[in-house]
Amino acid sequence: MITLLVVALCLVGWLHKGRLIRLVGWPFLPRMAASPPGTIRFAVIGDYGSGNLREYDVARLIKSWHPAFITTVGDNNYPVGAAETIDKHIGKYFHEYIGHYRGSYGPGATDNRFFPIPGHRDWDTDRLRPYLDYFTLPGNERYYDFVWGPVHFFMLDTDEREPDGATVSSPQALWLKQGLGSSGSRWNLVYAHHAPYTSHTVEDVTRMRWPFKQWGADAVLSGFYHVYERLLIDGIPYFIDGTGGGWVSGFGEVDPHSQFRYNKDNGAMLIEAGEGQIIFRFINRKGKLIDLYSISRTQR
């Protein structure tokens, strides 16, 4: 029995002054098969930048997927988006994906493979300045778009402090409407930190109920609420992916659009997109598949 205990401790860590120090993640994550030809694989993480063991586990989970790139749905740097914490809350875990990386945790990416959007926490210090100084992103860096394979990404800044506004009649919304309308990509994904619909105990952010489907979106991905939820509105899925490393919170009254809810552990989304199908998975930090949703299309 003692021998077995020693072996177990060697696998998960070692005891120091009565405290178990983790050396490798546990449990061991399954190997992810390569994506089919013509398919891109990427991760979505939200409300994650805490610098704690939960974020470490989720980062390790994401890296086990070998994604081409990582996207975020905001709140990248807790508690208030400060310059003093940004590298140890983001670069420490994801530096190898960040283009033009100048932090202290190792080499960055030759070409940027880390695409965040701002959350309200990121805005809380000097009007987003640490975030803007840390990342090199397209456009004005607060909201922007990019194309990777068959997917066109529209990355919004939904904070009320956004200079171009965050309402359906704002210049930012007009930019999105025009971009979606002119997109020739197979799939159009919209990222918006503040979720317009939720079953969380905190009320919905109703000012973000833009006509995403009418404008041409295929799915909307958000954070803000520290849960995972999938809703179906106007025939397209809305995902809340807010369990990337911060605390996990609770649900209240169930929204009638809600299709699936989970708040038992932290995790992240894995998305695979090809010409004919896009698959959305939510996987918890132990590597367990929690939810799967797919859309198939023969033509746009």
C-alpha atoms as a PDB file:
ATOM      1  CA  MET A   1       0.000   0.000   0.000  1.00  0.00           C
ATOM      2  CA  ILE A   2       2.822   2.431   0.863  1.00  0.00           C
ATOM      3  CA  THR A   3       4.575   1.606  -2.407  1.00  0.00           C
ATOM      4  CA  LEU A   4       1.413   2.352  -4.391  1.00  0.00           C
ATOM      5  CA  LEU A   5       1.016   5.685  -2.569  1.00  0.00           C
ATOM      6  CA  VAL A   6       4.579   6.679  -3.403  1.00  0.00           C
ATOM      7  CA  VAL A   7       4.048   5.807  -7.067  1.00  0.00           C
ATOM      8  CA  ALA A   8       0.845   7.865  -7.143  1.00  0.00           C
ATOM      9  CA  LEU A   9       2.603  10.867  -5.633  1.00  0.00           C
ATOM     10  CA  CYS A  10       5.377  10.565  -8.183  1.00  0.00           C
ATOM     11  CA  LEU A  11       2.781  10.753 -10.939  1.00  0.00           C
ATOM     12  CA  VAL A  12       0.841  13.779  -9.730  1.00  0.00           C
ATOM     13  CA  GLY A  13       3.393  15.709  -7.704  1.00  0.00           C
ATOM     14  CA  TRP A  14       5.274  15.682  -4.442  1.00  0.00           C
ATOM     15  CA  LEU A  15       4.624  16.539  -0.842  1.00  0.00           C
ATOM     16  CA  HIS A  16       6.226  19.677   0.570  1.00  0.00           C
ATOM     17  CA  LYS A  17       5.485  20.570   4.215  1.00  0.00           C
ATOM     18  CA  GLY A  18       2.317  18.512   4.041  1.00  0.00           C
ATOM     19  CA  ARG A  19       1.100  20.160   0.827  1.00  0.00           C
ATOM     20  CA  LEU A  20       0.757  18.347  -2.487  1.00  0.00           C
ATOM     21  CA  ILE A  21       2.533  20.275  -5.261  1.00  0.00           C
ATOM     22  CA  ARG A  22       1.314  19.377  -8.748  1.00  0.00           C
ATOM     23  CA  LEU A  23       4.049  18.650 -11.287  1.00  0.00           C
ATOM     24  CA  VAL A  24       1.918  17.336 -14.137  1.00  0.00           C
ATOM     25  CA  GLY A  25      -1.765  17.681 -14.879  1.00  0.00           C
ATOM     26  CA  TRP A  26      -4.201  15.045 -13.724  1.00  0.00           C
ATOM     27  CA  PRO A  27      -5.856  13.096 -15.110  1.00  0.00           C
ATOM     28  CA  PHE A  28      -3.751  12.472 -18.208  1.00  0.00           C
ATOM     29  CA  LEU A  29      -5.527  13.923 -21.239  1.00  0.00           C
ATOM     30  CA  PRO A  30      -6.396  11.698 -24.210  1.00  0.00           C
ATOM     31  CA  ARG A  31      -4.447  12.168 -27.443  1.00  0.00           C
ATOM     32  CA  MET A  32      -6.350  14.191 -30.024  1.00  0.00           C
ATOM     33  CA  ALA A  33      -6.397  12.772 -33.550  1.00  0.00           C
ATOM     34  CA  ALA A  34      -5.336  15.037 -36.407  1.00  0.00           C
ATOM     35  CA  SER A  35      -8.024  17.129 -38.068  1.00  0.00           C
ATOM     36  CA  PRO A  36      -9.325  15.867 -41.428  1.00  0.00           C
ATOM     37  CA  PRO A  37      -7.787  17.525 -44.517  1.00  0.00           C
ATOM     38  CA  GLY A  38      -9.360  20.904 -45.249  1.00  0.00           C
ATOM     39  CA  THR A  39     -10.561  21.324 -41.645  1.00  0.00           C
ATOM     40  CA  ILE A  40      -9.267  23.931 -39.199  1.00  0.00           C
ATOM     41  CA  ARG A  41      -9.134  23.350 -35.456  1.00  0.00           C
ATOM     42  CA  PHE A  42      -9.160  26.192 -32.939  1.00  0.00           C
ATOM     43  CA  ALA A  43      -9.971  26.794 -29.291  1.00  0.00           C
ATOM     44  CA  VAL A  44     -12.262  29.271 -27.538  1.00  0.00           C
ATOM     45  CA  ILE A  45     -11.536  30.335 -23.974  1.00  0.00           C
ATOM     46  CA  GLY A  46     -13.351  32.875 -21.832  1.00  0.00           C
ATOM     47  CA  ASP A  47     -13.102  34.571 -18.449  1.00  0.00           C
ATOM     48  CA  TYR A  48      -9.828  32.787 -17.882  1.00  0.00           C
ATOM     49  CA  GLY A  49      -7.000  35.141 -16.882  1.00  0.00           C
ATOM     50  CA  SER A  50      -6.683  34.322 -13.193  1.00  0.00           C
ATOM     51  CA  GLY A  51      -3.178  32.852 -13.043  1.00  0.00           C
ATOM     52  CA  ASN A  52      -4.397  29.915 -10.959  1.00  0.00           C
ATOM     53  CA  LEU A  53      -4.409  26.134 -11.174  1.00  0.00           C
ATOM     54  CA  ARG A  54      -7.736  26.134 -13.009  1.00  0.00           C
ATOM     55  CA  GLU A  55      -6.289  28.280 -15.781  1.00  0.00           C
ATOM     56  CA  TYR A  56      -3.207  26.037 -15.907  1.00  0.00           C
ATOM     57  CA  ASP A  57      -5.431  22.975 -16.354  1.00  0.00           C
ATOM     58  CA  VAL A  58      -7.499  24.603 -19.100  1.00  0.00           C
ATOM     59  CA  ALA A  59      -4.377  25.837 -20.909  1.00  0.00           C
ATOM     60  CA  ARG A  60      -2.909  22.336 -20.786  1.00  0.00           C
ATOM     61  CA  LEU A  61      -6.202  20.939 -22.099  1.00  0.00           C
ATOM     62  CA  ILE A  62      -6.191  23.367 -25.032  1.00  0.00           C
ATOM     63  CA  LYS A  63      -2.582  22.625 -25.938  1.00  0.00           C
ATOM     64  CA  SER A  64      -3.340  18.891 -25.976  1.00  0.00           C
ATOM     65  CA  TRP A  65      -5.665  19.596 -28.921  1.00  0.00           C
ATOM     66  CA  HIS A  66      -2.842  21.174 -30.979  1.00  0.00           C
ATOM     67  CA  PRO A  67      -5.133  23.948 -32.265  1.00  0.00           C
ATOM     68  CA  ALA A  68      -4.022  26.131 -35.151  1.00  0.00           C
ATOM     69  CA  PHE A  69      -4.897  29.176 -33.034  1.00  0.00           C
ATOM     70  CA  ILE A  70      -6.733  30.296 -29.893  1.00  0.00           C
ATOM     71  CA  THR A  71      -9.581  32.803 -29.612  1.00  0.00           C
ATOM     72  CA  THR A  72     -11.065  34.364 -26.483  1.00  0.00           C
ATOM     73  CA  VAL A  73     -14.417  35.810 -25.468  1.00  0.00           C
ATOM     74  CA  GLY A  74     -12.986  38.343 -23.034  1.00  0.00           C
ATOM     75  CA  ASP A  75     -11.945  38.924 -19.432  1.00  0.00           C
ATOM     76  CA  ASN A  76      -8.383  37.995 -20.258  1.00  0.00           C
ATOM     77  CA  ASN A  77      -6.743  39.529 -17.183  1.00  0.00           C
ATOM     78  CA  TYR A  78      -8.261  39.492 -13.712  1.00  0.00           C
ATOM     79  CA  PRO A  79      -9.028  41.269 -11.511  1.00  0.00           C
ATOM     80  CA  VAL A  80      -8.867  44.678 -13.230  1.00  0.00           C
ATOM     81  CA  GLY A  81      -6.844  44.266 -16.435  1.00  0.00           C
ATOM     82  CA  ALA A  82      -3.661  45.743 -14.952  1.00  0.00           C
ATOM     83  CA  ALA A  83      -0.302  45.895 -16.750  1.00  0.00           C
ATOM     84  CA  GLU A  84       1.355  44.286 -13.720  1.00  0.00           C
ATOM     85  CA  THR A  85      -0.651  41.075 -14.096  1.00  0.00           C
ATOM     86  CA  ILE A  86      -1.219  40.709 -17.830  1.00  0.00           C
ATOM     87  CA  ASP A  87       1.868  38.655 -18.689  1.00  0.00           C
ATOM     88  CA  LYS A  88       1.573  36.236 -15.774  1.00  0.00           C
ATOM     89  CA  HIS A  89      -2.129  35.789 -16.476  1.00  0.00           C
ATOM     90  CA  ILE A  90      -1.856  35.337 -20.255  1.00  0.00           C
ATOM     91  CA  GLY A  91       1.711  35.004 -21.536  1.00  0.00           C
ATOM     92  CA  LYS A  92       2.654  32.481 -18.868  1.00  0.00           C
ATOM     93  CA  TYR A  93       0.143  30.030 -20.323  1.00  0.00           C
ATOM     94  CA  PHE A  94      -0.170  31.007 -23.993  1.00  0.00           C
ATOM     95  CA  HIS A  95       3.019  32.850 -25.042  1.00  0.00           C
ATOM     96  CA  GLU A  96       3.799  30.413 -27.869  1.00  0.00           C
ATOM     97  CA  TYR A  97       0.566  31.491 -29.624  1.00  0.00           C
ATOM     98  CA  ILE A  98       1.022  35.258 -29.199  1.00  0.00           C
ATOM     99  CA  GLY A  99       2.561  37.220 -32.068  1.00  0.00           C
ATOM    100  CA  HIS A 100       5.081  39.998 -31.311  1.00  0.00           C
ATOM    101  CA  TYR A 101       5.326  38.587 -27.786  1.00  0.00           C
ATOM    102  CA  ARG A 102       7.623  40.620 -25.519  1.00  0.00           C
ATOM    103  CA  GLY A 103       6.908  38.959 -22.186  1.00  0.00           C
ATOM    104  CA  SER A 104       9.128  36.920 -19.904  1.00  0.00           C
ATOM    105  CA  TYR A 105       7.837  33.354 -20.288  1.00  0.00           C
ATOM    106  CA  GLY A 106       9.509  32.183 -23.499  1.00  0.00           C
ATOM    107  CA  PRO A 107       9.311  32.671 -27.256  1.00  0.00           C
ATOM    108  CA  GLY A 108       6.171  33.908 -28.951  1.00  0.00           C
ATOM    109  CA  ALA A 109       4.620  32.933 -32.273  1.00  0.00           C
ATOM    110  CA  THR A 110       6.210  33.936 -35.585  1.00  0.00           C
ATOM    111  CA  ASP A 111       2.703  34.754 -36.850  1.00  0.00           C
ATOM    112  CA  ASN A 112       0.016  35.652 -34.347  1.00  0.00           C
ATOM    113  CA  ARG A 113      -2.153  32.691 -33.342  1.00  0.00           C
ATOM    114  CA  PHE A 114      -3.920  34.284 -30.345  1.00  0.00           C
ATOM    115  CA  PHE A 115      -7.016  36.395 -31.012  1.00  0.00           C
ATOM    116  CA  PRO A 116      -8.718  37.877 -27.927  1.00  0.00           C
ATOM    117  CA  ILE A 117     -11.574  40.291 -27.502  1.00  0.00           C
ATOM    118  CA  PRO A 118     -11.774  42.715 -24.561  1.00  0.00           C
ATOM    119  CA  GLY A 119     -13.902  41.963 -21.542  1.00  0.00           C
ATOM    120  CA  HIS A 120     -15.150  44.431 -18.970  1.00  0.00           C
ATOM    121  CA  ARG A 121     -12.276  43.486 -16.646  1.00  0.00           C
ATOM    122  CA  ASP A 122      -9.763  44.400 -19.335  1.00  0.00           C
ATOM    123  CA  TRP A 123     -11.301  47.859 -19.584  1.00  0.00           C
ATOM    124  CA  ASP A 124     -10.993  48.563 -15.849  1.00  0.00           C
ATOM    125  CA  THR A 125      -7.382  49.820 -15.964  1.00  0.00           C
ATOM    126  CA  ASP A 126      -6.533  52.950 -17.954  1.00  0.00           C
ATOM    127  CA  ARG A 127      -9.315  52.430 -20.479  1.00  0.00           C
ATOM    128  CA  LEU A 128      -7.934  49.175 -21.935  1.00  0.00           C
ATOM    129  CA  ARG A 129      -4.372  50.491 -22.351  1.00  0.00           C
ATOM    130  CA  PRO A 130      -2.514  47.419 -20.906  1.00  0.00           C
ATOM    131  CA  TYR A 131      -4.459  45.136 -23.260  1.00  0.00           C
ATOM    132  CA  LEU A 132      -3.776  47.320 -26.307  1.00  0.00           C
ATOM    133  CA  ASP A 133      -0.081  47.562 -25.446  1.00  0.00           C
ATOM    134  CA  TYR A 134       0.261  43.814 -24.891  1.00  0.00           C
ATOM    135  CA  PHE A 135      -1.401  42.462 -28.048  1.00  0.00           C
ATOM    136  CA  THR A 136      -0.829  43.208 -31.731  1.00  0.00           C
ATOM    137  CA  LEU A 137      -4.173  42.684 -33.472  1.00  0.00           C
ATOM    138  CA  PRO A 138      -5.847  43.727 -36.740  1.00  0.00           C
ATOM    139  CA  GLY A 139      -7.811  46.937 -37.254  1.00  0.00           C
ATOM    140  CA  ASN A 140      -8.201  49.221 -34.262  1.00  0.00           C
ATOM    141  CA  GLU A 141      -7.423  46.191 -32.002  1.00  0.00           C
ATOM    142  CA  ARG A 142     -10.579  46.719 -29.933  1.00  0.00           C
ATOM    143  CA  TYR A 143     -12.845  45.139 -32.567  1.00  0.00           C
ATOM    144  CA  TYR A 144     -11.654  43.553 -35.782  1.00  0.00           C
ATOM    145  CA  ASP A 145     -12.140  40.675 -38.193  1.00  0.00           C
ATOM    146  CA  PHE A 146      -9.961  38.019 -39.787  1.00  0.00           C
ATOM    147  CA  VAL A 147     -10.373  34.976 -42.018  1.00  0.00           C
ATOM    148  CA  TRP A 148      -8.806  31.580 -41.346  1.00  0.00           C
ATOM    149  CA  GLY A 149      -9.671  28.748 -43.704  1.00  0.00           C
ATOM    150  CA  PRO A 150     -13.431  28.558 -44.241  1.00  0.00           C
ATOM    151  CA  VAL A 151     -14.264  30.796 -41.255  1.00  0.00           C
ATOM    152  CA  HIS A 152     -14.680  34.570 -41.066  1.00  0.00           C
ATOM    153  CA  PHE A 153     -14.277  35.808 -37.482  1.00  0.00           C
ATOM    154  CA  PHE A 154     -15.897  39.029 -36.291  1.00  0.00           C
ATOM    155  CA  MET A 155     -14.394  40.011 -32.931  1.00  0.00           C
ATOM    156  CA  LEU A 156     -16.434  42.664 -31.101  1.00  0.00           C
ATOM    157  CA  ASP A 157     -15.783  44.966 -28.159  1.00  0.00           C
ATOM    158  CA  THR A 158     -19.094  44.944 -26.308  1.00  0.00           C
ATOM    159  CA  ASP A 159     -18.073  47.048 -23.304  1.00  0.00           C
ATOM    160  CA  GLU A 160     -20.081  50.233 -22.830  1.00  0.00           C
ATOM    161  CA  ARG A 161     -16.800  52.196 -22.745  1.00  0.00           C
ATOM    162  CA  GLU A 162     -16.029  51.285 -26.377  1.00  0.00           C
ATOM    163  CA  PRO A 163     -15.549  54.619 -28.232  1.00  0.00           C
ATOM    164  CA  ASP A 164     -17.530  53.393 -31.263  1.00  0.00           C
ATOM    165  CA  GLY A 165     -20.404  52.185 -29.122  1.00  0.00           C
ATOM    166  CA  ALA A 166     -21.843  48.781 -28.282  1.00  0.00           C
ATOM    167  CA  THR A 167     -25.513  49.079 -29.199  1.00  0.00           C
ATOM    168  CA  VAL A 168     -27.402  47.982 -32.290  1.00  0.00           C
ATOM    169  CA  SER A 169     -27.306  51.521 -33.725  1.00  0.00           C
ATOM    170  CA  SER A 170     -23.608  52.143 -33.015  1.00  0.00           C
ATOM    171  CA  PRO A 171     -20.809  52.575 -35.599  1.00  0.00           C
ATOM    172  CA  GLN A 172     -19.411  49.232 -34.421  1.00  0.00           C
ATOM    173  CA  ALA A 173     -22.721  47.489 -35.156  1.00  0.00           C
ATOM    174  CA  LEU A 174     -22.819  49.092 -38.618  1.00  0.00           C
ATOM    175  CA  TRP A 175     -19.279  47.797 -39.237  1.00  0.00           C
ATOM    176  CA  LEU A 176     -20.438  44.294 -38.260  1.00  0.00           C
ATOM    177  CA  LYS A 177     -23.560  44.446 -40.415  1.00  0.00           C
ATOM    178  CA  GLN A 178     -21.554  45.516 -43.452  1.00  0.00           C
ATOM    179  CA  GLY A 179     -18.835  42.935 -42.806  1.00  0.00           C
ATOM    180  CA  LEU A 180     -21.257  40.050 -42.430  1.00  0.00           C
ATOM    181  CA  GLY A 181     -23.162  41.174 -45.506  1.00  0.00           C
ATOM    182  CA  SER A 182     -20.055  41.182 -47.683  1.00  0.00           C
ATOM    183  CA  SER A 183     -18.446  38.023 -46.271  1.00  0.00           C
ATOM    184  CA  GLY A 184     -17.867  35.255 -48.791  1.00  0.00           C
ATOM    185  CA  SER A 185     -16.721  32.699 -46.219  1.00  0.00           C
ATOM    186  CA  ARG A 186     -18.459  29.407 -45.557  1.00  0.00           C
ATOM    187  CA  TRP A 187     -18.919  30.208 -41.855  1.00  0.00           C
ATOM    188  CA  ASN A 188     -19.335  33.565 -40.075  1.00  0.00           C
ATOM    189  CA  LEU A 189     -18.708  33.558 -36.314  1.00  0.00           C
ATOM    190  CA  VAL A 190     -19.383  36.561 -34.067  1.00  0.00           C
ATOM    191  CA  TYR A 191     -17.570  36.970 -30.736  1.00  0.00           C
ATOM    192  CA  ALA A 192     -19.194  39.262 -28.140  1.00  0.00           C
ATOM    193  CA  HIS A 193     -18.085  39.271 -24.501  1.00  0.00           C
ATOM    194  CA  HIS A 194     -21.491  40.273 -23.112  1.00  0.00           C
ATOM    195  CA  ALA A 195     -23.998  37.489 -23.816  1.00  0.00           C
ATOM    196  CA  PRO A 196     -27.416  38.723 -24.959  1.00  0.00           C
ATOM    197  CA  TYR A 197     -29.261  35.671 -23.582  1.00  0.00           C
ATOM    198  CA  THR A 198     -28.553  33.492 -20.551  1.00  0.00           C
ATOM    199  CA  SER A 199     -30.016  31.331 -17.801  1.00  0.00           C
ATOM    200  CA  HIS A 200     -27.499  32.755 -15.315  1.00  0.00           C
ATOM    201  CA  THR A 201     -28.578  34.332 -12.043  1.00  0.00           C
ATOM    202  CA  VAL A 202     -27.362  37.696 -13.397  1.00  0.00           C
ATOM    203  CA  GLU A 203     -29.727  39.214 -15.956  1.00  0.00           C
ATOM    204  CA  ASP A 204     -29.139  39.141 -19.722  1.00  0.00           C
ATOM    205  CA  VAL A 205     -27.268  41.952 -21.494  1.00  0.00           C
ATOM    206  CA  THR A 206     -30.262  42.925 -23.619  1.00  0.00           C
ATOM    207  CA  ARG A 207     -28.478  45.786 -25.443  1.00  0.00           C
ATOM    208  CA  MET A 208     -26.510  43.055 -27.255  1.00  0.00           C
ATOM    209  CA  ARG A 209     -29.592  41.523 -28.838  1.00  0.00           C
ATOM    210  CA  TRP A 210     -28.517  42.521 -32.317  1.00  0.00           C
ATOM    211  CA  PRO A 211     -30.058  40.756 -35.373  1.00  0.00           C
ATOM    212  CA  PHE A 212     -26.986  38.556 -35.836  1.00  0.00           C
ATOM    213  CA  LYS A 213     -28.810  35.898 -37.874  1.00  0.00           C
ATOM    214  CA  GLN A 214     -30.429  38.477 -40.157  1.00  0.00           C
ATOM    215  CA  TRP A 215     -27.028  40.091 -40.776  1.00  0.00           C
ATOM    216  CA  GLY A 216     -25.423  36.765 -41.722  1.00  0.00           C
ATOM    217  CA  ALA A 217     -23.931  35.174 -38.597  1.00  0.00           C
ATOM    218  CA  ASP A 218     -23.874  31.392 -38.202  1.00  0.00           C
ATOM    219  CA  ALA A 219     -23.140  31.416 -34.457  1.00  0.00           C
ATOM    220  CA  VAL A 220     -22.484  33.848 -31.599  1.00  0.00           C
ATOM    221  CA  LEU A 221     -19.892  33.124 -28.903  1.00  0.00           C
ATOM    222  CA  SER A 222     -19.776  35.010 -25.604  1.00  0.00           C
ATOM    223  CA  GLY A 223     -18.414  34.939 -22.071  1.00  0.00           C
ATOM    224  CA  PHE A 224     -19.159  37.291 -19.144  1.00  0.00           C
ATOM    225  CA  TYR A 225     -21.181  34.661 -17.267  1.00  0.00           C
ATOM    226  CA  HIS A 226     -18.983  32.011 -15.629  1.00  0.00           C
ATOM    227  CA  VAL A 227     -20.894  29.041 -16.983  1.00  0.00           C
ATOM    228  CA  TYR A 228     -21.200  27.071 -20.194  1.00  0.00           C
ATOM    229  CA  GLU A 229     -24.531  27.340 -21.964  1.00  0.00           C
ATOM    230  CA  ARG A 230     -25.834  26.689 -25.461  1.00  0.00           C
ATOM    231  CA  LEU A 231     -28.979  28.474 -26.611  1.00  0.00           C
ATOM    232  CA  LEU A 232     -30.801  28.477 -29.956  1.00  0.00           C
ATOM    233  CA  ILE A 233     -32.135  31.859 -31.089  1.00  0.00           C
ATOM    234  CA  ASP A 234     -33.527  32.625 -34.543  1.00  0.00           C
ATOM    235  CA  GLY A 235     -32.214  29.282 -35.728  1.00  0.00           C
ATOM    236  CA  ILE A 236     -28.541  29.816 -34.819  1.00  0.00           C
ATOM    237  CA  PRO A 237     -26.591  28.737 -31.712  1.00  0.00           C
ATOM    238  CA  TYR A 238     -25.472  31.175 -29.040  1.00  0.00           C
ATOM    239  CA  PHE A 239     -22.695  29.834 -26.807  1.00  0.00           C
ATOM    240  CA  ILE A 240     -21.607  31.116 -23.400  1.00  0.00           C
ATOM    241  CA  ASP A 241     -18.082  29.904 -22.707  1.00  0.00           C
ATOM    242  CA  GLY A 242     -17.097  31.636 -19.460  1.00  0.00           C
ATOM    243  CA  THR A 243     -15.343  28.912 -17.468  1.00  0.00           C
ATOM    244  CA  GLY A 244     -11.762  29.257 -18.704  1.00  0.00           C
ATOM    245  CA  GLY A 245     -10.057  29.797 -15.361  1.00  0.00           C
ATOM    246  CA  GLY A 246     -12.078  32.063 -13.129  1.00  0.00           C
ATOM    247  CA  TRP A 247     -14.627  30.852 -10.632  1.00  0.00           C
ATOM    248  CA  VAL A 248     -17.672  28.898 -11.849  1.00  0.00           C
ATOM    249  CA  SER A 249     -21.030  30.414 -10.972  1.00  0.00           C
ATOM    250  CA  GLY A 250     -24.676  29.394 -11.026  1.00  0.00           C
ATOM    251  CA  PHE A 251     -27.877  29.276 -13.025  1.00  0.00           C
ATOM    252  CA  GLY A 252     -31.207  30.823 -12.167  1.00  0.00           C
ATOM    253  CA  GLU A 253     -34.420  30.796 -14.167  1.00  0.00           C
ATOM    254  CA  VAL A 254     -33.914  28.813 -17.362  1.00  0.00           C
ATOM    255  CA  ASP A 255     -34.153  30.863 -20.547  1.00  0.00           C
ATOM    256  CA  PRO A 256     -36.707  29.277 -22.925  1.00  0.00           C
ATOM    257  CA  HIS A 257     -34.057  29.280 -25.683  1.00  0.00           C
ATOM    258  CA  SER A 258     -31.608  27.253 -23.583  1.00  0.00           C
ATOM    259  CA  GLN A 259     -30.612  23.863 -24.995  1.00  0.00           C
ATOM    260  CA  PHE A 260     -27.772  22.833 -22.652  1.00  0.00           C
ATOM    261  CA  ARG A 261     -26.218  24.117 -19.410  1.00  0.00           C
ATOM    262  CA  TYR A 262     -23.109  23.147 -17.414  1.00  0.00           C
ATOM    263  CA  ASN A 263     -21.389  24.710 -14.406  1.00  0.00           C
ATOM    264  CA  LYS A 264     -19.672  21.842 -12.599  1.00  0.00           C
ATOM    265  CA  ASP A 265     -16.094  22.592 -13.685  1.00  0.00           C
ATOM    266  CA  ASN A 266     -13.872  24.807 -15.799  1.00  0.00           C
ATOM    267  CA  GLY A 267     -13.224  24.076 -19.466  1.00  0.00           C
ATOM    268  CA  ALA A 268     -12.970  25.433 -23.005  1.00  0.00           C
ATOM    269  CA  MET A 269     -14.474  24.999 -26.449  1.00  0.00           C
ATOM    270  CA  LEU A 270     -12.876  23.104 -29.317  1.00  0.00           C
ATOM    271  CA  ILE A 271     -14.187  23.983 -32.779  1.00  0.00           C
ATOM    272  CA  GLU A 272     -13.442  22.189 -36.032  1.00  0.00           C
ATOM    273  CA  ALA A 273     -14.611  23.772 -39.271  1.00  0.00           C
ATOM    274  CA  GLY A 274     -14.537  22.445 -42.817  1.00  0.00           C
ATOM    275  CA  GLU A 275     -16.380  23.369 -45.985  1.00  0.00           C
ATOM    276  CA  GLY A 276     -19.353  21.144 -45.230  1.00  0.00           C
ATOM    277  CA  GLN A 277     -19.561  21.092 -41.442  1.00  0.00           C
ATOM    278  CA  ILE A 278     -18.623  23.000 -38.302  1.00  0.00           C
ATOM    279  CA  ILE A 279     -18.505  21.154 -34.972  1.00  0.00           C
ATOM    280  CA  PHE A 280     -18.608  22.880 -31.566  1.00  0.00           C
ATOM    281  CA  ARG A 281     -17.457  20.956 -28.497  1.00  0.00           C
ATOM    282  CA  PHE A 282     -17.220  21.992 -24.867  1.00  0.00           C
ATOM    283  CA  ILE A 283     -14.689  19.925 -22.905  1.00  0.00           C
ATOM    284  CA  ASN A 284     -14.029  20.281 -19.193  1.00  0.00           C
ATOM    285  CA  ARG A 285     -10.525  20.596 -17.780  1.00  0.00           C
ATOM    286  CA  LYS A 286     -10.367  16.855 -17.045  1.00  0.00           C
ATOM    287  CA  GLY A 287     -10.752  16.148 -20.758  1.00  0.00           C
ATOM    288  CA  LYS A 288     -14.388  15.021 -20.621  1.00  0.00           C
ATOM    289  CA  LEU A 289     -16.630  15.929 -23.549  1.00  0.00           C
ATOM    290  CA  ILE A 290     -19.604  17.788 -22.063  1.00  0.00           C
ATOM    291  CA  ASP A 291     -21.508  19.108 -25.090  1.00  0.00           C
ATOM    292  CA  LEU A 292     -21.369  18.733 -28.865  1.00  0.00           C
ATOM    293  CA  TYR A 293     -23.256  20.669 -31.520  1.00  0.00           C
ATOM    294  CA  SER A 294     -22.747  20.654 -35.282  1.00  0.00           C
ATOM    295  CA  ILE A 295     -24.011  22.491 -38.349  1.00  0.00           C
ATOM    296  CA  SER A 296     -23.843  20.969 -41.818  1.00  0.00           C
ATOM    297  CA  ARG A 297     -24.155  22.852 -45.086  1.00  0.00           C
ATOM    298  CA  THR A 298     -23.828  21.876 -48.729  1.00  0.00           C
ATOM    299  CA  GLN A 299     -23.736  25.465 -49.936  1.00  0.00           C
ATOM    300  CA  ARG A 300     -23.961  28.955 -48.464  1.00  0.00           C
END
